[in-house]
C-alpha atoms as a PDB file:
ATOM      1  CA  UNK A   1      78.786 114.503  93.801  1.00  0.00           C
ATOM      2  CA  UNK A   2      80.581 112.092  97.164  1.00  0.00           C
ATOM      3  CA  UNK A   3      79.651 112.886 100.806  1.00  0.00           C
ATOM      4  CA  UNK A   4      81.212 111.415 103.718  1.00  0.00           C
ATOM      5  CA  UNK A   5      78.621 110.803 106.739  1.00  0.00           C
ATOM      6  CA  UNK A   6      80.049 111.342 110.196  1.00  0.00           C
ATOM      7  CA  UNK A   7      78.218 111.431 113.462  1.00  0.00           C
ATOM      8  CA  UNK A   8      79.135 111.100 117.297  1.00  0.00           C
ATOM      9  CA  UNK A   9      76.769 108.432 118.484  1.00  0.00           C
ATOM     10  CA  UNK A  10      73.896 106.984 115.839  1.00  0.00           C
ATOM     11  CA  UNK A  11      74.137 105.210 112.814  1.00  0.00           C
ATOM     12  CA  UNK A  12      70.859 106.962 111.360  1.00  0.00           C
ATOM     13  CA  UNK A  13      70.754 109.704 108.928  1.00  0.00           C
ATOM     14  CA  UNK A  14      69.004 111.730 111.712  1.00  0.00           C
ATOM     15  CA  UNK A  15      72.249 111.355 113.601  1.00  0.00           C
ATOM     16  CA  UNK A  16      74.677 112.228 110.661  1.00  0.00           C
ATOM     17  CA  UNK A  17      76.096 115.250 109.091  1.00  0.00           C
ATOM     18  CA  UNK A  18      77.107 115.312 105.381  1.00  0.00           C
ATOM     19  CA  UNK A  19      80.553 116.409 103.974  1.00  0.00           C
ATOM     20  CA  UNK A  20      81.766 117.031 100.899  1.00  0.00           C
ATOM     21  CA  UNK A  21      85.468 118.291 101.639  1.00  0.00           C
ATOM     22  CA  UNK A  22      87.840 115.704 102.966  1.00  0.00           C
ATOM     23  CA  UNK A  23      89.655 117.826 105.052  1.00  0.00           C
ATOM     24  CA  UNK A  24      86.606 118.846 107.006  1.00  0.00           C
ATOM     25  CA  UNK A  25      85.706 114.844 107.385  1.00  0.00           C
ATOM     26  CA  UNK A  26      89.392 114.548 108.914  1.00  0.00           C
ATOM     27  CA  UNK A  27      89.094 117.071 111.242  1.00  0.00           C
ATOM     28  CA  UNK A  28      85.917 115.813 112.457  1.00  0.00           C
ATOM     29  CA  UNK A  29      87.119 112.336 112.770  1.00  0.00           C
ATOM     30  CA  UNK A  30      90.386 113.111 114.417  1.00  0.00           C
ATOM     31  CA  UNK A  31      89.554 116.341 116.275  1.00  0.00           C
ATOM     32  CA  UNK A  32      85.884 116.171 117.335  1.00  0.00           C
ATOM     33  CA  UNK A  33      85.870 112.099 117.860  1.00  0.00           C
ATOM     34  CA  UNK A  34      83.373 111.395 115.098  1.00  0.00           C
ATOM     35  CA  UNK A  35      82.979 108.539 113.659  1.00  0.00           C
ATOM     36  CA  UNK A  36      82.605 108.219 109.475  1.00  0.00           C
ATOM     37  CA  UNK A  37      80.441 105.612 107.751  1.00  0.00           C
ATOM     38  CA  UNK A  38      82.335 103.719 105.640  1.00  0.00           C
ATOM     39  CA  UNK A  39      81.994 100.062 104.143  1.00  0.00           C
ATOM     40  CA  UNK A  40      85.037  97.391 104.745  1.00  0.00           C
ATOM     41  CA  UNK A  41      86.951  96.353 102.020  1.00  0.00           C
ATOM     42  CA  UNK A  42      86.842  92.823 103.187  1.00  0.00           C
ATOM     43  CA  UNK A  43      83.818  92.390 104.891  1.00  0.00           C
ATOM     44  CA  UNK A  44      80.158  93.526 104.334  1.00  0.00           C
ATOM     45  CA  UNK A  45      80.196  95.371 107.192  1.00  0.00           C
ATOM     46  CA  UNK A  46      78.565  98.699 106.681  1.00  0.00           C
ATOM     47  CA  UNK A  47      78.982 101.201 109.787  1.00  0.00           C
ATOM     48  CA  UNK A  48      80.649 104.193 111.851  1.00  0.00           C
ATOM     49  CA  UNK A  49      83.862 103.615 112.135  1.00  0.00           C
ATOM     50  CA  UNK A  50      85.921 105.891 114.980  1.00  0.00           C
ATOM     51  CA  UNK A  51      89.369 106.103 115.965  1.00  0.00           C
ATOM     52  CA  UNK A  52      91.084 104.184 118.387  1.00  0.00           C
ATOM     53  CA  UNK A  53      88.301 101.794 118.726  1.00  0.00           C
ATOM     54  CA  UNK A  54      88.280  98.094 117.540  1.00  0.00           C
ATOM     55  CA  UNK A  55      88.056  99.064 113.623  1.00  0.00           C
ATOM     56  CA  UNK A  56      90.974 102.100 113.564  1.00  0.00           C
ATOM     57  CA  UNK A  57      93.332 101.496 115.676  1.00  0.00           C
ATOM     58  CA  UNK A  58      95.801 104.097 113.906  1.00  0.00           C
ATOM     59  CA  UNK A  59      95.660 107.214 111.965  1.00  0.00           C
ATOM     60  CA  UNK A  60      98.214 107.340 108.816  1.00  0.00           C
ATOM     61  CA  UNK A  61      97.765 110.242 106.235  1.00  0.00           C
ATOM     62  CA  UNK A  62      99.486 110.388 103.025  1.00  0.00           C
ATOM     63  CA  UNK A  63     100.207 113.057 100.442  1.00  0.00           C
ATOM     64  CA  UNK A  64      97.869 113.217  97.745  1.00  0.00           C
ATOM     65  CA  UNK A  65     100.336 113.130  95.341  1.00  0.00           C
ATOM     66  CA  UNK A  66     101.694 109.623  96.383  1.00  0.00           C
ATOM     67  CA  UNK A  67      97.979 108.397  95.905  1.00  0.00           C
END
């Protein structure tokens, strides 16, 4: 089972919501200004990433068929 953790402010289990549906994660991050917990590909940083902040400067969606 895959789960995504989204949060408005904190980076702790107490402050997050676990979601399993990618579309729901997208809704929370894009429309409700939540951050999503993720691990960077290029560094060892783990944390909450939010749109329009230093880590995620833009959103670009791809069709599932092309990925």
